[in-house]
Amino acid sequence: SNRGASVRIPWQVEQDQKGYIEDRRPNANVDPYVVTRLIVDTCCTALEKAGQV
């Protein structure tokens, strides 16, 4: 995983088929619930397009 990335998904997640997503941005001026929803929606949409869901 790239520790310099803003959003990071550790390699172990793919192997275990479960895990977590790290949001590593330093700013606190955004609603974390809105950001989390956007990240999850983006990941789910990408998986649907790839036929993995």
PDB file of N, CA and C in Angstrom:
ATOM      1  N   SER A   1       0.834  -1.190   0.000  1.00  0.00           N
ATOM      2  CA  SER A   1       0.000   0.000   0.000  1.00  0.00           C
ATOM      3  C   SER A   1       0.872   1.244   0.000  1.00  0.00           C
ATOM      4  N   ASN A   2       0.377   2.266  -0.643  1.00  0.00           N
ATOM      5  CA  ASN A   2       1.095   3.529  -0.733  1.00  0.00           C
ATOM      6  C   ASN A   2       0.758   4.385   0.483  1.00  0.00           C
ATOM      7  N   ARG A   3       1.692   4.558   1.392  1.00  0.00           N
ATOM      8  CA  ARG A   3       1.431   5.337   2.607  1.00  0.00           C
ATOM      9  C   ARG A   3       1.330   6.830   2.340  1.00  0.00           C
ATOM     10  N   GLY A   4       1.657   7.268   1.131  1.00  0.00           N
ATOM     11  CA  GLY A   4       1.531   8.670   0.769  1.00  0.00           C
ATOM     12  C   GLY A   4       0.171   9.009   0.180  1.00  0.00           C
ATOM     13  N   ALA A   5      -0.660   8.009  -0.034  1.00  0.00           N
ATOM     14  CA  ALA A   5      -1.977   8.215  -0.645  1.00  0.00           C
ATOM     15  C   ALA A   5      -2.960   8.792   0.369  1.00  0.00           C
ATOM     16  N   SER A   6      -3.932   9.549  -0.118  1.00  0.00           N
ATOM     17  CA  SER A   6      -4.952  10.125   0.765  1.00  0.00           C
ATOM     18  C   SER A   6      -5.886   9.058   1.309  1.00  0.00           C
ATOM     19  N   VAL A   7      -6.275   8.139   0.443  1.00  0.00           N
ATOM     20  CA  VAL A   7      -7.133   7.028   0.860  1.00  0.00           C
ATOM     21  C   VAL A   7      -6.358   5.758   0.576  1.00  0.00           C
ATOM     22  N   ARG A   8      -6.267   4.898   1.574  1.00  0.00           N
ATOM     23  CA  ARG A   8      -5.432   3.713   1.451  1.00  0.00           C
ATOM     24  C   ARG A   8      -6.229   2.470   1.819  1.00  0.00           C
ATOM     25  N   ILE A   9      -6.094   1.432   0.998  1.00  0.00           N
ATOM     26  CA  ILE A   9      -6.683   0.128   1.296  1.00  0.00           C
ATOM     27  C   ILE A   9      -5.515  -0.850   1.378  1.00  0.00           C
ATOM     28  N   PRO A  10      -5.221  -1.373   2.556  1.00  0.00           N
ATOM     29  CA  PRO A  10      -4.069  -2.265   2.714  1.00  0.00           C
ATOM     30  C   PRO A  10      -4.184  -3.519   1.835  1.00  0.00           C
ATOM     31  N   TRP A  11      -3.037  -4.052   1.406  1.00  0.00           N
ATOM     32  CA  TRP A  11      -3.010  -5.243   0.552  1.00  0.00           C
ATOM     33  C   TRP A  11      -3.682  -6.436   1.221  1.00  0.00           C
ATOM     34  N   GLN A  12      -3.600  -6.528   2.516  1.00  0.00           N
ATOM     35  CA  GLN A  12      -4.167  -7.662   3.251  1.00  0.00           C
ATOM     36  C   GLN A  12      -5.675  -7.772   3.046  1.00  0.00           C
ATOM     37  N   VAL A  13      -6.336  -6.663   2.750  1.00  0.00           N
ATOM     38  CA  VAL A  13      -7.786  -6.660   2.529  1.00  0.00           C
ATOM     39  C   VAL A  13      -8.147  -7.590   1.373  1.00  0.00           C
ATOM     40  N   GLU A  14      -7.393  -7.534   0.295  1.00  0.00           N
ATOM     41  CA  GLU A  14      -7.681  -8.403  -0.859  1.00  0.00           C
ATOM     42  C   GLU A  14      -7.489  -9.874  -0.499  1.00  0.00           C
ATOM     43  N   GLN A  15      -6.444 -10.177   0.225  1.00  0.00           N
ATOM     44  CA  GLN A  15      -6.172 -11.567   0.595  1.00  0.00           C
ATOM     45  C   GLN A  15      -7.230 -12.117   1.543  1.00  0.00           C
ATOM     46  N   ASP A  16      -7.633 -11.307   2.521  1.00  0.00           N
ATOM     47  CA  ASP A  16      -8.594 -11.755   3.534  1.00  0.00           C
ATOM     48  C   ASP A  16     -10.047 -11.593   3.099  1.00  0.00           C
ATOM     49  N   GLN A  17     -10.279 -10.827   2.016  1.00  0.00           N
ATOM     50  CA  GLN A  17     -11.633 -10.510   1.550  1.00  0.00           C
ATOM     51  C   GLN A  17     -12.435  -9.748   2.607  1.00  0.00           C
ATOM     52  N   LYS A  18     -11.736  -9.012   3.444  1.00  0.00           N
ATOM     53  CA  LYS A  18     -12.350  -8.144   4.455  1.00  0.00           C
ATOM     54  C   LYS A  18     -11.258  -7.207   4.959  1.00  0.00           C
ATOM     55  N   GLY A  19     -11.661  -6.146   5.609  1.00  0.00           N
ATOM     56  CA  GLY A  19     -10.662  -5.236   6.141  1.00  0.00           C
ATOM     57  C   GLY A  19     -11.190  -3.836   6.333  1.00  0.00           C
ATOM     58  N   TYR A  20     -10.384  -2.862   5.984  1.00  0.00           N
ATOM     59  CA  TYR A  20     -10.734  -1.475   6.269  1.00  0.00           C
ATOM     60  C   TYR A  20     -10.149  -0.551   5.217  1.00  0.00           C
ATOM     61  N   ILE A  21     -10.629   0.678   5.216  1.00  0.00           N
ATOM     62  CA  ILE A  21     -10.134   1.737   4.344  1.00  0.00           C
ATOM     63  C   ILE A  21      -9.619   2.848   5.250  1.00  0.00           C
ATOM     64  N   GLU A  22      -8.420   3.340   4.990  1.00  0.00           N
ATOM     65  CA  GLU A  22      -7.863   4.449   5.767  1.00  0.00           C
ATOM     66  C   GLU A  22      -8.047   5.750   5.000  1.00  0.00           C
ATOM     67  N   ASP A  23      -8.639   6.730   5.641  1.00  0.00           N
ATOM     68  CA  ASP A  23      -8.732   8.084   5.093  1.00  0.00           C
ATOM     69  C   ASP A  23      -7.647   8.883   5.805  1.00  0.00           C
ATOM     70  N   ARG A  24      -6.556   9.174   5.122  1.00  0.00           N
ATOM     71  CA  ARG A  24      -5.365   9.727   5.757  1.00  0.00           C
ATOM     72  C   ARG A  24      -5.206  11.231   5.578  1.00  0.00           C
ATOM     73  N   ARG A  25      -6.267  11.916   5.170  1.00  0.00           N
ATOM     74  CA  ARG A  25      -6.147  13.363   4.960  1.00  0.00           C
ATOM     75  C   ARG A  25      -6.064  14.093   6.294  1.00  0.00           C
ATOM     76  N   PRO A  26      -5.233  15.108   6.392  1.00  0.00           N
ATOM     77  CA  PRO A  26      -5.041  15.798   7.661  1.00  0.00           C
ATOM     78  C   PRO A  26      -6.136  16.808   8.012  1.00  0.00           C
ATOM     79  N   ASN A  27      -6.866  17.323   7.029  1.00  0.00           N
ATOM     80  CA  ASN A  27      -7.857  18.361   7.321  1.00  0.00           C
ATOM     81  C   ASN A  27      -9.076  17.799   8.039  1.00  0.00           C
ATOM     82  N   ALA A  28      -9.615  18.606   8.928  1.00  0.00           N
ATOM     83  CA  ALA A  28     -10.801  18.202   9.669  1.00  0.00           C
ATOM     84  C   ALA A  28     -11.979  19.106   9.328  1.00  0.00           C
ATOM     85  N   ASN A  29     -11.914  19.806   8.196  1.00  0.00           N
ATOM     86  CA  ASN A  29     -12.961  20.766   7.858  1.00  0.00           C
ATOM     87  C   ASN A  29     -14.053  20.158   6.978  1.00  0.00           C
ATOM     88  N   VAL A  30     -14.120  18.835   6.908  1.00  0.00           N
ATOM     89  CA  VAL A  30     -15.126  18.143   6.112  1.00  0.00           C
ATOM     90  C   VAL A  30     -15.872  17.174   7.021  1.00  0.00           C
ATOM     91  N   ASP A  31     -17.158  17.037   6.790  1.00  0.00           N
ATOM     92  CA  ASP A  31     -17.961  16.094   7.565  1.00  0.00           C
ATOM     93  C   ASP A  31     -17.472  14.670   7.274  1.00  0.00           C
ATOM     94  N   PRO A  32     -16.943  13.957   8.270  1.00  0.00           N
ATOM     95  CA  PRO A  32     -16.391  12.623   8.018  1.00  0.00           C
ATOM     96  C   PRO A  32     -17.434  11.626   7.521  1.00  0.00           C
ATOM     97  N   TYR A  33     -18.692  11.818   7.880  1.00  0.00           N
ATOM     98  CA  TYR A  33     -19.741  10.910   7.419  1.00  0.00           C
ATOM     99  C   TYR A  33     -20.003  11.082   5.927  1.00  0.00           C
ATOM    100  N   VAL A  34     -19.959  12.315   5.453  1.00  0.00           N
ATOM    101  CA  VAL A  34     -20.149  12.579   4.020  1.00  0.00           C
ATOM    102  C   VAL A  34     -18.984  11.985   3.232  1.00  0.00           C
ATOM    103  N   VAL A  35     -17.770  12.203   3.706  1.00  0.00           N
ATOM    104  CA  VAL A  35     -16.589  11.685   3.016  1.00  0.00           C
ATOM    105  C   VAL A  35     -16.608  10.157   2.989  1.00  0.00           C
ATOM    106  N   THR A  36     -16.948   9.541   4.099  1.00  0.00           N
ATOM    107  CA  THR A  36     -17.009   8.079   4.154  1.00  0.00           C
ATOM    108  C   THR A  36     -18.030   7.542   3.172  1.00  0.00           C
ATOM    109  N   ARG A  37     -19.183   8.176   3.101  1.00  0.00           N
ATOM    110  CA  ARG A  37     -20.208   7.730   2.152  1.00  0.00           C
ATOM    111  C   ARG A  37     -19.712   7.846   0.712  1.00  0.00           C
ATOM    112  N   LEU A  38     -19.051   8.940   0.386  1.00  0.00           N
ATOM    113  CA  LEU A  38     -18.530   9.122  -0.970  1.00  0.00           C
ATOM    114  C   LEU A  38     -17.470   8.069  -1.313  1.00  0.00           C
ATOM    115  N   ILE A  39     -16.600   7.771  -0.374  1.00  0.00           N
ATOM    116  CA  ILE A  39     -15.567   6.760  -0.606  1.00  0.00           C
ATOM    117  C   ILE A  39     -16.207   5.389  -0.829  1.00  0.00           C
ATOM    118  N   VAL A  40     -17.153   5.015   0.027  1.00  0.00           N
ATOM    119  CA  VAL A  40     -17.814   3.712  -0.098  1.00  0.00           C
ATOM    120  C   VAL A  40     -18.615   3.639  -1.392  1.00  0.00           C
ATOM    121  N   ASP A  41     -19.341   4.702  -1.724  1.00  0.00           N
ATOM    122  CA  ASP A  41     -20.107   4.715  -2.980  1.00  0.00           C
ATOM    123  C   ASP A  41     -19.185   4.549  -4.186  1.00  0.00           C
ATOM    124  N   THR A  42     -18.046   5.217  -4.164  1.00  0.00           N
ATOM    125  CA  THR A  42     -17.094   5.104  -5.269  1.00  0.00           C
ATOM    126  C   THR A  42     -16.572   3.676  -5.397  1.00  0.00           C
ATOM    127  N   CYS A  43     -16.213   3.068  -4.279  1.00  0.00           N
ATOM    128  CA  CYS A  43     -15.706   1.686  -4.308  1.00  0.00           C
ATOM    129  C   CYS A  43     -16.780   0.716  -4.778  1.00  0.00           C
ATOM    130  N   CYS A  44     -17.994   0.860  -4.277  1.00  0.00           N
ATOM    131  CA  CYS A  44     -19.079  -0.048  -4.662  1.00  0.00           C
ATOM    132  C   CYS A  44     -19.440   0.101  -6.134  1.00  0.00           C
ATOM    133  N   THR A  45     -19.456   1.319  -6.633  1.00  0.00           N
ATOM    134  CA  THR A  45     -19.750   1.545  -8.053  1.00  0.00           C
ATOM    135  C   THR A  45     -18.682   0.897  -8.926  1.00  0.00           C
ATOM    136  N   ALA A  46     -17.426   1.025  -8.542  1.00  0.00           N
ATOM    137  CA  ALA A  46     -16.334   0.418  -9.312  1.00  0.00           C
ATOM    138  C   ALA A  46     -16.449  -1.102  -9.309  1.00  0.00           C
ATOM    139  N   LEU A  47     -16.806  -1.686  -8.169  1.00  0.00           N
ATOM    140  CA  LEU A  47     -16.967  -3.141  -8.095  1.00  0.00           C
ATOM    141  C   LEU A  47     -18.142  -3.616  -8.938  1.00  0.00           C
ATOM    142  N   GLU A  48     -19.234  -2.860  -8.924  1.00  0.00           N
ATOM    143  CA  GLU A  48     -20.398  -3.222  -9.739  1.00  0.00           C
ATOM    144  C   GLU A  48     -20.046  -3.195 -11.222  1.00  0.00           C
ATOM    145  N   LYS A  49     -19.321  -2.171 -11.640  1.00  0.00           N
ATOM    146  CA  LYS A  49     -18.925  -2.061 -13.050  1.00  0.00           C
ATOM    147  C   LYS A  49     -17.984  -3.197 -13.451  1.00  0.00           C
ATOM    148  N   ALA A  50     -17.183  -3.669 -12.508  1.00  0.00           N
ATOM    149  CA  ALA A  50     -16.249  -4.762 -12.787  1.00  0.00           C
ATOM    150  C   ALA A  50     -16.933  -6.123 -12.680  1.00  0.00           C
ATOM    151  N   GLY A  51     -18.202  -6.129 -12.259  1.00  0.00           N
ATOM    152  CA  GLY A  51     -18.943  -7.383 -12.135  1.00  0.00           C
ATOM    153  C   GLY A  51     -18.557  -8.209 -10.927  1.00  0.00           C
ATOM    154  N   GLN A  52     -18.035  -7.559  -9.898  1.00  0.00           N
ATOM    155  CA  GLN A  52     -17.593  -8.281  -8.708  1.00  0.00           C
ATOM    156  C   GLN A  52     -18.589  -8.205  -7.564  1.00  0.00           C
ATOM    157  N   VAL A  53     -19.732  -7.587  -7.791  1.00  0.00           N
ATOM    158  CA  VAL A  53     -20.745  -7.491  -6.728  1.00  0.00           C
ATOM    159  C   VAL A  53     -22.018  -8.119  -7.223  1.00  0.00           C
TER     160      VAL A  53
END
